[in-house]
Amino acid sequence: MITMDKIIRDGHPTLRKVAQEVKLPATAEDKETLRQLLEYVQNSQDPEIAAKYNLRPGIGLAAPQINVSKRMIAIQAPDERGNVQSYALFNPKIVSHSVEKTYLTSGEGCLSVDEEIPGYVPRYARITVKGTTLEGEEVKIRLKGLLAVVFQHEIDHLDGVMFYDHINKAEPFKEPENASPYMR
């Protein structure tokens, strides 16, 4: 089981590396890693389990955050209708995106970043992602709203990019061009 002590923090070199593709079909070890990433996100959203194991709540986790430099992400977050969606993917890739941007009015946070870093993080409003599930099925997922933002945040981790890299350093709260705010 992944706990907070297994999550590496900002400044660790693995967080700045471009993660390697996962060779498919995935090995039992890679499947177990991806399963544990999803389990962390699910456990961290369960108040009882989170309290028992001192888990910081999260809606996404990428393998580099547990010092495994491979292209794997797990996400659990509500869609526009409030239905919780769970995803665990090998080699996720954004294959198309909207011109319009969005950003979370509350800013973004990260399990690998202990302090709050205020500012708007511009993201594409809509994206299409391709990836492979734990069961080995290739999927194409169309996303918008919070899920689109979370996928972009986690895929950034696979490319060694941190959310605060996108914040306008001179004016952190300047509304990004061609963007509509997304309020959670």
N, C-alpha and C. Protein backbone atom coordinates (compact mmCIF):
# COMPACT_ATOMS: atom_id res chain seq x y z
N MET A 1 0.83 -1.19 0.00
CA MET A 1 0.00 0.00 0.00
C MET A 1 0.88 1.25 0.00
N ILE A 2 0.55 2.18 -0.89
CA ILE A 2 1.29 3.43 -0.95
C ILE A 2 0.79 4.35 0.16
N THR A 3 1.73 4.93 0.91
CA THR A 3 1.40 5.93 1.92
C THR A 3 2.21 7.19 1.59
N MET A 4 1.98 8.25 2.33
CA MET A 4 2.66 9.52 2.05
C MET A 4 4.19 9.40 2.09
N ASP A 5 4.71 8.47 2.90
CA ASP A 5 6.18 8.37 2.97
C ASP A 5 6.78 7.75 1.70
N LYS A 6 5.96 7.18 0.84
CA LYS A 6 6.46 6.62 -0.43
C LYS A 6 6.39 7.66 -1.56
N ILE A 7 5.71 8.78 -1.30
CA ILE A 7 5.58 9.83 -2.32
C ILE A 7 6.76 10.79 -2.20
N ILE A 8 7.53 10.87 -3.30
CA ILE A 8 8.70 11.74 -3.28
C ILE A 8 8.27 13.20 -3.40
N ARG A 9 9.11 14.08 -2.87
CA ARG A 9 8.75 15.50 -2.81
C ARG A 9 9.53 16.33 -3.81
N ASP A 10 8.98 17.52 -4.03
CA ASP A 10 9.56 18.52 -4.92
C ASP A 10 11.07 18.62 -4.66
N GLY A 11 11.83 18.64 -5.73
CA GLY A 11 13.29 18.71 -5.59
C GLY A 11 13.94 17.37 -5.89
N HIS A 12 13.19 16.27 -5.77
CA HIS A 12 13.72 14.94 -6.09
C HIS A 12 13.93 14.87 -7.60
N PRO A 13 15.11 14.39 -8.05
CA PRO A 13 15.41 14.39 -9.50
C PRO A 13 14.43 13.59 -10.37
N THR A 14 13.82 12.55 -9.86
CA THR A 14 12.89 11.74 -10.66
C THR A 14 11.71 12.57 -11.15
N LEU A 15 11.30 13.58 -10.36
CA LEU A 15 10.16 14.40 -10.74
C LEU A 15 10.45 15.27 -11.97
N ARG A 16 11.70 15.42 -12.32
CA ARG A 16 12.08 16.25 -13.48
C ARG A 16 12.53 15.43 -14.69
N LYS A 17 12.43 14.11 -14.58
CA LYS A 17 12.82 13.23 -15.69
C LYS A 17 11.62 12.94 -16.58
N VAL A 18 11.90 12.67 -17.85
CA VAL A 18 10.85 12.18 -18.75
C VAL A 18 10.76 10.68 -18.50
N ALA A 19 9.56 10.22 -18.11
CA ALA A 19 9.37 8.81 -17.76
C ALA A 19 9.37 7.94 -19.02
N GLN A 20 9.77 6.68 -18.85
CA GLN A 20 9.84 5.74 -19.96
C GLN A 20 8.47 5.14 -20.26
N GLU A 21 8.26 4.81 -21.53
CA GLU A 21 7.04 4.09 -21.95
C GLU A 21 7.02 2.76 -21.21
N VAL A 22 5.83 2.29 -20.90
CA VAL A 22 5.67 0.96 -20.31
C VAL A 22 5.55 -0.02 -21.47
N LYS A 23 6.40 -1.05 -21.44
CA LYS A 23 6.34 -2.07 -22.49
C LYS A 23 5.07 -2.88 -22.30
N LEU A 24 4.31 -3.02 -23.40
CA LEU A 24 3.04 -3.75 -23.34
C LEU A 24 3.16 -5.07 -24.09
N PRO A 25 2.50 -6.11 -23.66
CA PRO A 25 1.65 -6.16 -22.47
C PRO A 25 2.46 -5.91 -21.20
N ALA A 26 1.81 -5.24 -20.24
CA ALA A 26 2.49 -4.86 -18.99
C ALA A 26 2.87 -6.09 -18.17
N THR A 27 3.99 -5.96 -17.48
CA THR A 27 4.43 -7.03 -16.58
C THR A 27 3.54 -7.04 -15.34
N ALA A 28 3.59 -8.12 -14.59
CA ALA A 28 2.83 -8.21 -13.34
C ALA A 28 3.26 -7.09 -12.40
N GLU A 29 4.56 -6.78 -12.40
CA GLU A 29 5.09 -5.72 -11.52
C GLU A 29 4.51 -4.34 -11.91
N ASP A 30 4.49 -4.05 -13.22
CA ASP A 30 3.93 -2.77 -13.67
C ASP A 30 2.43 -2.68 -13.36
N LYS A 31 1.71 -3.78 -13.55
CA LYS A 31 0.28 -3.79 -13.24
C LYS A 31 0.06 -3.54 -11.75
N GLU A 32 0.89 -4.15 -10.92
CA GLU A 32 0.76 -3.96 -9.47
C GLU A 32 1.03 -2.50 -9.09
N THR A 33 2.05 -1.89 -9.70
CA THR A 33 2.36 -0.48 -9.44
C THR A 33 1.16 0.39 -9.80
N LEU A 34 0.58 0.16 -10.99
CA LEU A 34 -0.56 0.96 -11.42
C LEU A 34 -1.76 0.74 -10.51
N ARG A 35 -1.98 -0.50 -10.11
CA ARG A 35 -3.08 -0.82 -9.19
C ARG A 35 -2.91 -0.05 -7.87
N GLN A 36 -1.67 -0.01 -7.38
CA GLN A 36 -1.40 0.69 -6.12
C GLN A 36 -1.57 2.20 -6.25
N LEU A 37 -1.24 2.76 -7.42
CA LEU A 37 -1.46 4.20 -7.63
C LEU A 37 -2.95 4.51 -7.51
N LEU A 38 -3.78 3.69 -8.16
CA LEU A 38 -5.22 3.90 -8.10
C LEU A 38 -5.74 3.69 -6.67
N GLU A 39 -5.22 2.67 -6.02
CA GLU A 39 -5.63 2.38 -4.64
C GLU A 39 -5.33 3.57 -3.72
N TYR A 40 -4.15 4.21 -3.91
CA TYR A 40 -3.82 5.38 -3.09
C TYR A 40 -4.88 6.47 -3.27
N VAL A 41 -5.17 6.80 -4.53
CA VAL A 41 -6.12 7.88 -4.81
C VAL A 41 -7.48 7.55 -4.18
N GLN A 42 -7.92 6.30 -4.33
CA GLN A 42 -9.21 5.90 -3.76
C GLN A 42 -9.18 5.95 -2.23
N ASN A 43 -8.13 5.39 -1.64
CA ASN A 43 -7.99 5.40 -0.17
C ASN A 43 -7.92 6.82 0.38
N SER A 44 -7.21 7.70 -0.34
CA SER A 44 -7.03 9.08 0.15
C SER A 44 -8.34 9.85 0.16
N GLN A 45 -9.33 9.38 -0.61
CA GLN A 45 -10.63 10.04 -0.66
C GLN A 45 -11.63 9.44 0.32
N ASP A 46 -11.21 8.38 1.00
CA ASP A 46 -12.06 7.75 2.01
C ASP A 46 -11.62 8.30 3.37
N PRO A 47 -12.47 9.15 4.00
CA PRO A 47 -12.05 9.83 5.24
C PRO A 47 -11.51 8.89 6.32
N GLU A 48 -12.13 7.73 6.47
CA GLU A 48 -11.70 6.78 7.50
C GLU A 48 -10.31 6.22 7.21
N ILE A 49 -10.10 5.74 5.99
CA ILE A 49 -8.80 5.16 5.61
C ILE A 49 -7.73 6.25 5.60
N ALA A 50 -8.08 7.42 5.05
CA ALA A 50 -7.11 8.53 4.97
C ALA A 50 -6.63 8.92 6.37
N ALA A 51 -7.55 8.98 7.33
CA ALA A 51 -7.19 9.33 8.71
C ALA A 51 -6.32 8.24 9.33
N LYS A 52 -6.70 6.99 9.13
CA LYS A 52 -5.98 5.86 9.72
C LYS A 52 -4.52 5.81 9.24
N TYR A 53 -4.30 6.06 7.94
CA TYR A 53 -2.94 5.95 7.38
C TYR A 53 -2.29 7.31 7.12
N ASN A 54 -2.93 8.39 7.58
CA ASN A 54 -2.40 9.74 7.41
C ASN A 54 -2.12 10.06 5.94
N LEU A 55 -3.12 9.82 5.08
CA LEU A 55 -2.99 10.06 3.65
C LEU A 55 -3.52 11.44 3.30
N ARG A 56 -2.73 12.19 2.54
CA ARG A 56 -3.22 13.48 2.04
C ARG A 56 -4.19 13.19 0.90
N PRO A 57 -5.36 13.82 0.89
CA PRO A 57 -6.31 13.54 -0.19
C PRO A 57 -5.75 13.96 -1.55
N GLY A 58 -5.97 13.10 -2.53
CA GLY A 58 -5.51 13.39 -3.89
C GLY A 58 -6.53 12.89 -4.89
N ILE A 59 -6.51 13.49 -6.08
CA ILE A 59 -7.40 13.03 -7.14
C ILE A 59 -6.61 12.44 -8.30
N GLY A 60 -5.29 12.49 -8.20
CA GLY A 60 -4.46 11.89 -9.23
C GLY A 60 -3.08 11.60 -8.68
N LEU A 61 -2.44 10.57 -9.27
CA LEU A 61 -1.08 10.21 -8.87
C LEU A 61 -0.39 9.58 -10.08
N ALA A 62 0.85 9.99 -10.31
CA ALA A 62 1.64 9.46 -11.42
C ALA A 62 2.80 8.64 -10.85
N ALA A 63 3.20 7.60 -11.59
CA ALA A 63 4.28 6.72 -11.13
C ALA A 63 5.57 7.47 -10.73
N PRO A 64 5.99 8.52 -11.48
CA PRO A 64 7.20 9.22 -11.03
C PRO A 64 7.11 9.77 -9.60
N GLN A 65 5.90 10.02 -9.13
CA GLN A 65 5.73 10.55 -7.77
C GLN A 65 6.04 9.51 -6.69
N ILE A 66 6.11 8.24 -7.08
CA ILE A 66 6.55 7.21 -6.13
C ILE A 66 7.91 6.68 -6.55
N ASN A 67 8.65 7.53 -7.30
CA ASN A 67 10.01 7.25 -7.74
C ASN A 67 10.09 6.07 -8.71
N VAL A 68 9.04 5.90 -9.52
CA VAL A 68 9.05 4.90 -10.59
C VAL A 68 8.91 5.70 -11.89
N SER A 69 10.00 5.81 -12.64
CA SER A 69 10.01 6.66 -13.83
C SER A 69 9.43 5.94 -15.05
N LYS A 70 8.14 5.63 -14.95
CA LYS A 70 7.43 4.96 -16.04
C LYS A 70 6.11 5.68 -16.27
N ARG A 71 5.60 5.58 -17.49
CA ARG A 71 4.40 6.32 -17.90
C ARG A 71 3.13 5.62 -17.43
N MET A 72 2.75 5.90 -16.18
CA MET A 72 1.54 5.34 -15.58
C MET A 72 0.88 6.43 -14.73
N ILE A 73 -0.45 6.53 -14.84
CA ILE A 73 -1.19 7.49 -14.00
C ILE A 73 -2.47 6.85 -13.49
N ALA A 74 -2.92 7.34 -12.35
CA ALA A 74 -4.21 6.93 -11.79
C ALA A 74 -4.96 8.19 -11.37
N ILE A 75 -6.25 8.22 -11.68
CA ILE A 75 -7.06 9.40 -11.41
C ILE A 75 -8.43 8.95 -10.91
N GLN A 76 -8.94 9.66 -9.91
CA GLN A 76 -10.33 9.48 -9.49
C GLN A 76 -10.88 10.85 -9.13
N ALA A 77 -11.84 11.29 -9.93
CA ALA A 77 -12.41 12.62 -9.74
C ALA A 77 -13.81 12.66 -10.34
N PRO A 78 -14.62 13.63 -9.88
CA PRO A 78 -15.97 13.73 -10.43
C PRO A 78 -16.00 14.35 -11.82
N ASP A 79 -16.93 13.88 -12.66
CA ASP A 79 -17.14 14.51 -13.96
C ASP A 79 -18.11 15.68 -13.78
N GLU A 80 -18.54 16.27 -14.90
CA GLU A 80 -19.43 17.44 -14.83
C GLU A 80 -20.74 17.16 -14.11
N ARG A 81 -21.19 15.92 -14.18
CA ARG A 81 -22.46 15.57 -13.54
C ARG A 81 -22.28 15.16 -12.07
N GLY A 82 -21.05 15.19 -11.60
CA GLY A 82 -20.79 14.82 -10.21
C GLY A 82 -20.57 13.33 -10.00
N ASN A 83 -20.53 12.56 -11.11
CA ASN A 83 -20.26 11.12 -11.01
C ASN A 83 -18.76 10.89 -10.92
N VAL A 84 -18.34 10.12 -9.93
CA VAL A 84 -16.92 9.86 -9.74
C VAL A 84 -16.43 8.89 -10.81
N GLN A 85 -15.36 9.29 -11.48
CA GLN A 85 -14.76 8.46 -12.54
C GLN A 85 -13.37 8.03 -12.08
N SER A 86 -13.03 6.77 -12.32
CA SER A 86 -11.71 6.25 -11.98
C SER A 86 -11.00 5.78 -13.23
N TYR A 87 -9.71 6.13 -13.32
CA TYR A 87 -8.90 5.73 -14.46
C TYR A 87 -7.52 5.28 -13.97
N ALA A 88 -7.01 4.22 -14.56
CA ALA A 88 -5.64 3.77 -14.33
C ALA A 88 -5.10 3.42 -15.70
N LEU A 89 -4.11 4.18 -16.17
CA LEU A 89 -3.64 4.01 -17.55
C LEU A 89 -2.13 3.88 -17.67
N PHE A 90 -1.74 3.00 -18.58
CA PHE A 90 -0.35 2.90 -19.02
C PHE A 90 -0.22 3.79 -20.25
N ASN A 91 0.91 4.47 -20.36
CA ASN A 91 1.27 5.27 -21.54
C ASN A 91 0.17 6.23 -22.01
N PRO A 92 -0.42 7.01 -21.08
CA PRO A 92 -1.45 7.95 -21.52
C PRO A 92 -0.83 9.05 -22.38
N LYS A 93 -1.58 9.44 -23.40
CA LYS A 93 -1.07 10.46 -24.31
C LYS A 93 -2.23 11.33 -24.76
N ILE A 94 -2.02 12.65 -24.73
CA ILE A 94 -3.04 13.58 -25.24
C ILE A 94 -2.91 13.57 -26.76
N VAL A 95 -3.99 13.14 -27.44
CA VAL A 95 -3.95 13.05 -28.90
C VAL A 95 -4.62 14.23 -29.58
N SER A 96 -5.48 14.95 -28.84
CA SER A 96 -6.05 16.19 -29.37
C SER A 96 -6.52 17.05 -28.19
N HIS A 97 -6.63 18.35 -28.46
CA HIS A 97 -7.08 19.27 -27.41
C HIS A 97 -7.76 20.48 -28.04
N SER A 98 -8.57 21.13 -27.22
CA SER A 98 -9.27 22.33 -27.67
C SER A 98 -8.31 23.51 -27.76
N VAL A 99 -8.76 24.53 -28.48
CA VAL A 99 -8.01 25.78 -28.52
C VAL A 99 -8.26 26.51 -27.20
N GLU A 100 -9.53 26.42 -26.73
CA GLU A 100 -9.88 27.10 -25.49
C GLU A 100 -9.13 26.51 -24.31
N LYS A 101 -8.83 27.40 -23.38
CA LYS A 101 -8.14 26.97 -22.17
C LYS A 101 -9.09 27.13 -20.98
N THR A 102 -8.66 26.57 -19.87
CA THR A 102 -9.37 26.72 -18.61
C THR A 102 -8.32 26.76 -17.50
N TYR A 103 -8.76 27.04 -16.31
CA TYR A 103 -7.88 26.99 -15.14
C TYR A 103 -8.75 26.86 -13.91
N LEU A 104 -8.20 26.25 -12.87
CA LEU A 104 -8.94 26.13 -11.62
C LEU A 104 -8.79 27.44 -10.86
N THR A 105 -9.92 28.03 -10.47
CA THR A 105 -9.87 29.31 -9.75
C THR A 105 -9.16 29.15 -8.40
N SER A 106 -9.18 27.93 -7.87
CA SER A 106 -8.52 27.67 -6.58
C SER A 106 -7.04 27.35 -6.76
N GLY A 107 -6.57 27.30 -8.01
CA GLY A 107 -5.19 26.90 -8.27
C GLY A 107 -5.08 25.38 -8.19
N GLU A 108 -3.86 24.87 -8.38
CA GLU A 108 -3.64 23.43 -8.32
C GLU A 108 -2.72 23.10 -7.16
N GLY A 109 -2.84 21.87 -6.70
CA GLY A 109 -1.96 21.37 -5.66
C GLY A 109 -1.37 20.06 -6.15
N CYS A 110 -0.47 19.50 -5.36
CA CYS A 110 0.20 18.28 -5.78
C CYS A 110 0.68 17.52 -4.55
N LEU A 111 0.52 16.21 -4.56
CA LEU A 111 0.96 15.40 -3.42
C LEU A 111 2.48 15.46 -3.23
N SER A 112 3.21 15.83 -4.29
CA SER A 112 4.67 15.94 -4.19
C SER A 112 5.13 17.34 -3.80
N VAL A 113 4.18 18.27 -3.65
CA VAL A 113 4.52 19.65 -3.27
C VAL A 113 3.84 19.95 -1.95
N ASP A 114 4.63 20.15 -0.90
CA ASP A 114 4.07 20.33 0.44
C ASP A 114 3.49 21.71 0.69
N GLU A 115 4.05 22.73 0.04
CA GLU A 115 3.53 24.08 0.29
C GLU A 115 2.54 24.46 -0.82
N GLU A 116 1.70 25.43 -0.50
CA GLU A 116 0.77 25.94 -1.51
C GLU A 116 1.54 26.87 -2.42
N ILE A 117 1.30 26.74 -3.73
CA ILE A 117 1.91 27.66 -4.69
C ILE A 117 0.75 28.33 -5.43
N PRO A 118 0.43 29.56 -5.02
CA PRO A 118 -0.73 30.23 -5.60
C PRO A 118 -0.50 30.67 -7.04
N GLY A 119 -1.60 30.67 -7.79
CA GLY A 119 -1.55 31.15 -9.17
C GLY A 119 -2.41 30.28 -10.06
N TYR A 120 -2.74 30.84 -11.23
CA TYR A 120 -3.55 30.12 -12.20
C TYR A 120 -2.66 29.26 -13.10
N VAL A 121 -3.11 28.05 -13.33
CA VAL A 121 -2.38 27.11 -14.18
C VAL A 121 -3.21 26.89 -15.45
N PRO A 122 -2.80 27.48 -16.57
CA PRO A 122 -3.60 27.32 -17.79
C PRO A 122 -3.55 25.87 -18.29
N ARG A 123 -4.73 25.35 -18.65
CA ARG A 123 -4.86 23.98 -19.18
C ARG A 123 -5.83 24.02 -20.36
N TYR A 124 -5.78 23.02 -21.20
CA TYR A 124 -6.77 22.91 -22.28
C TYR A 124 -8.12 22.59 -21.65
N ALA A 125 -9.19 23.19 -22.18
CA ALA A 125 -10.54 22.98 -21.64
C ALA A 125 -11.05 21.57 -21.95
N ARG A 126 -10.67 21.06 -23.13
CA ARG A 126 -11.10 19.71 -23.53
C ARG A 126 -9.91 18.97 -24.14
N ILE A 127 -9.79 17.71 -23.80
CA ILE A 127 -8.71 16.89 -24.36
C ILE A 127 -9.24 15.50 -24.70
N THR A 128 -8.52 14.84 -25.58
CA THR A 128 -8.77 13.42 -25.86
C THR A 128 -7.47 12.69 -25.53
N VAL A 129 -7.60 11.66 -24.71
CA VAL A 129 -6.44 10.90 -24.25
C VAL A 129 -6.56 9.45 -24.73
N LYS A 130 -5.43 8.92 -25.18
CA LYS A 130 -5.35 7.49 -25.50
C LYS A 130 -4.43 6.85 -24.47
N GLY A 131 -4.73 5.63 -24.11
CA GLY A 131 -3.90 4.91 -23.16
C GLY A 131 -4.33 3.46 -23.10
N THR A 132 -3.69 2.69 -22.24
CA THR A 132 -4.00 1.27 -22.09
C THR A 132 -4.38 1.01 -20.64
N THR A 133 -5.49 0.30 -20.46
CA THR A 133 -6.00 0.01 -19.10
C THR A 133 -5.21 -1.13 -18.46
N LEU A 134 -5.49 -1.35 -17.18
CA LEU A 134 -4.89 -2.48 -16.45
C LEU A 134 -5.20 -3.81 -17.12
N GLU A 135 -6.36 -3.88 -17.77
CA GLU A 135 -6.78 -5.11 -18.44
C GLU A 135 -6.15 -5.26 -19.83
N GLY A 136 -5.35 -4.27 -20.24
CA GLY A 136 -4.67 -4.35 -21.53
C GLY A 136 -5.49 -3.81 -22.69
N GLU A 137 -6.61 -3.15 -22.37
CA GLU A 137 -7.48 -2.61 -23.42
C GLU A 137 -7.02 -1.19 -23.78
N GLU A 138 -6.90 -0.94 -25.10
CA GLU A 138 -6.55 0.41 -25.53
C GLU A 138 -7.82 1.25 -25.54
N VAL A 139 -7.76 2.42 -24.90
CA VAL A 139 -8.94 3.26 -24.80
C VAL A 139 -8.64 4.67 -25.30
N LYS A 140 -9.72 5.34 -25.71
CA LYS A 140 -9.65 6.74 -26.13
C LYS A 140 -10.72 7.45 -25.31
N ILE A 141 -10.32 8.42 -24.51
CA ILE A 141 -11.24 9.07 -23.58
C ILE A 141 -11.32 10.57 -23.88
N ARG A 142 -12.54 11.07 -24.02
CA ARG A 142 -12.75 12.51 -24.21
C ARG A 142 -13.07 13.12 -22.84
N LEU A 143 -12.35 14.18 -22.51
CA LEU A 143 -12.48 14.76 -21.17
C LEU A 143 -12.67 16.26 -21.24
N LYS A 144 -13.39 16.79 -20.25
CA LYS A 144 -13.50 18.24 -20.10
C LYS A 144 -13.61 18.54 -18.62
N GLY A 145 -13.55 19.83 -18.28
CA GLY A 145 -13.69 20.23 -16.89
C GLY A 145 -12.54 19.72 -16.02
N LEU A 146 -12.90 19.38 -14.78
CA LEU A 146 -11.90 18.97 -13.80
C LEU A 146 -11.09 17.76 -14.27
N LEU A 147 -11.75 16.78 -14.87
CA LEU A 147 -11.03 15.58 -15.32
C LEU A 147 -9.96 15.93 -16.37
N ALA A 148 -10.28 16.85 -17.27
CA ALA A 148 -9.29 17.27 -18.28
C ALA A 148 -8.09 17.92 -17.60
N VAL A 149 -8.35 18.74 -16.59
CA VAL A 149 -7.27 19.42 -15.86
C VAL A 149 -6.39 18.39 -15.14
N VAL A 150 -7.03 17.43 -14.46
CA VAL A 150 -6.29 16.43 -13.69
C VAL A 150 -5.43 15.57 -14.61
N PHE A 151 -5.99 15.15 -15.74
CA PHE A 151 -5.22 14.34 -16.69
C PHE A 151 -3.98 15.11 -17.17
N GLN A 152 -4.15 16.41 -17.48
CA GLN A 152 -3.00 17.20 -17.94
C GLN A 152 -1.95 17.33 -16.84
N HIS A 153 -2.40 17.51 -15.60
CA HIS A 153 -1.48 17.61 -14.46
C HIS A 153 -0.67 16.32 -14.33
N GLU A 154 -1.35 15.17 -14.39
CA GLU A 154 -0.66 13.88 -14.21
C GLU A 154 0.24 13.55 -15.40
N ILE A 155 -0.23 13.83 -16.62
CA ILE A 155 0.61 13.56 -17.80
C ILE A 155 1.84 14.46 -17.78
N ASP A 156 1.70 15.69 -17.27
CA ASP A 156 2.88 16.56 -17.09
C ASP A 156 3.94 15.86 -16.24
N HIS A 157 3.51 15.18 -15.18
CA HIS A 157 4.48 14.46 -14.32
C HIS A 157 5.30 13.47 -15.13
N LEU A 158 4.69 12.87 -16.14
CA LEU A 158 5.40 11.88 -16.95
C LEU A 158 6.45 12.54 -17.83
N ASP A 159 6.31 13.86 -18.02
CA ASP A 159 7.27 14.61 -18.84
C ASP A 159 8.20 15.48 -18.00
N GLY A 160 8.20 15.26 -16.69
CA GLY A 160 9.10 16.02 -15.81
C GLY A 160 8.66 17.46 -15.58
N VAL A 161 7.37 17.74 -15.78
CA VAL A 161 6.85 19.10 -15.64
C VAL A 161 6.00 19.18 -14.38
N MET A 162 6.21 20.23 -13.60
CA MET A 162 5.42 20.46 -12.39
C MET A 162 4.36 21.52 -12.70
N PHE A 163 3.23 21.47 -11.99
CA PHE A 163 2.12 22.40 -12.28
C PHE A 163 2.55 23.85 -12.20
N TYR A 164 3.44 24.19 -11.25
CA TYR A 164 3.81 25.60 -11.07
C TYR A 164 4.68 26.13 -12.20
N ASP A 165 5.21 25.22 -13.05
CA ASP A 165 5.98 25.66 -14.22
C ASP A 165 5.08 26.46 -15.17
N HIS A 166 3.77 26.21 -15.13
CA HIS A 166 2.82 26.88 -16.03
C HIS A 166 2.33 28.23 -15.48
N ILE A 167 2.57 28.51 -14.21
CA ILE A 167 2.07 29.75 -13.60
C ILE A 167 2.88 30.94 -14.10
N ASN A 168 2.18 32.01 -14.45
CA ASN A 168 2.83 33.25 -14.87
C ASN A 168 3.60 33.80 -13.66
N LYS A 169 4.93 33.79 -13.74
CA LYS A 169 5.76 34.19 -12.58
C LYS A 169 5.54 35.66 -12.20
N ALA A 170 5.42 36.53 -13.22
CA ALA A 170 5.27 37.96 -12.95
C ALA A 170 3.89 38.29 -12.39
N GLU A 171 2.86 37.63 -12.93
CA GLU A 171 1.48 37.88 -12.49
C GLU A 171 0.74 36.55 -12.32
N PRO A 172 0.93 35.89 -11.15
CA PRO A 172 0.34 34.56 -10.96
C PRO A 172 -1.17 34.49 -11.10
N PHE A 173 -1.86 35.61 -10.84
CA PHE A 173 -3.33 35.58 -10.92
C PHE A 173 -3.86 36.31 -12.15
N LYS A 174 -3.00 36.49 -13.14
CA LYS A 174 -3.46 37.08 -14.40
C LYS A 174 -4.21 35.98 -15.14
N GLU A 175 -5.45 36.32 -15.58
CA GLU A 175 -6.24 35.32 -16.28
C GLU A 175 -5.53 34.89 -17.57
N PRO A 176 -5.30 33.59 -17.74
CA PRO A 176 -4.63 33.13 -18.96
C PRO A 176 -5.44 33.51 -20.20
N GLU A 177 -4.74 33.77 -21.31
CA GLU A 177 -5.39 34.17 -22.55
C GLU A 177 -6.30 33.06 -23.06
N ASN A 178 -7.44 33.45 -23.61
CA ASN A 178 -8.38 32.50 -24.21
C ASN A 178 -8.84 31.42 -23.22
N ALA A 179 -9.02 31.82 -21.95
CA ALA A 179 -9.36 30.84 -20.90
C ALA A 179 -10.61 31.23 -20.14
N SER A 180 -11.37 30.22 -19.76
CA SER A 180 -12.53 30.41 -18.90
C SER A 180 -12.23 29.73 -17.57
N PRO A 181 -12.59 30.39 -16.45
CA PRO A 181 -12.31 29.77 -15.16
C PRO A 181 -13.16 28.52 -14.93
N TYR A 182 -12.60 27.55 -14.25
CA TYR A 182 -13.36 26.37 -13.84
C TYR A 182 -13.42 26.38 -12.33
N MET A 183 -14.63 26.39 -11.79
CA MET A 183 -14.76 26.41 -10.32
C MET A 183 -15.20 25.05 -9.83
N ARG A 184 -14.47 24.55 -8.84
CA ARG A 184 -14.82 23.23 -8.30
C ARG A 184 -15.92 23.37 -7.28
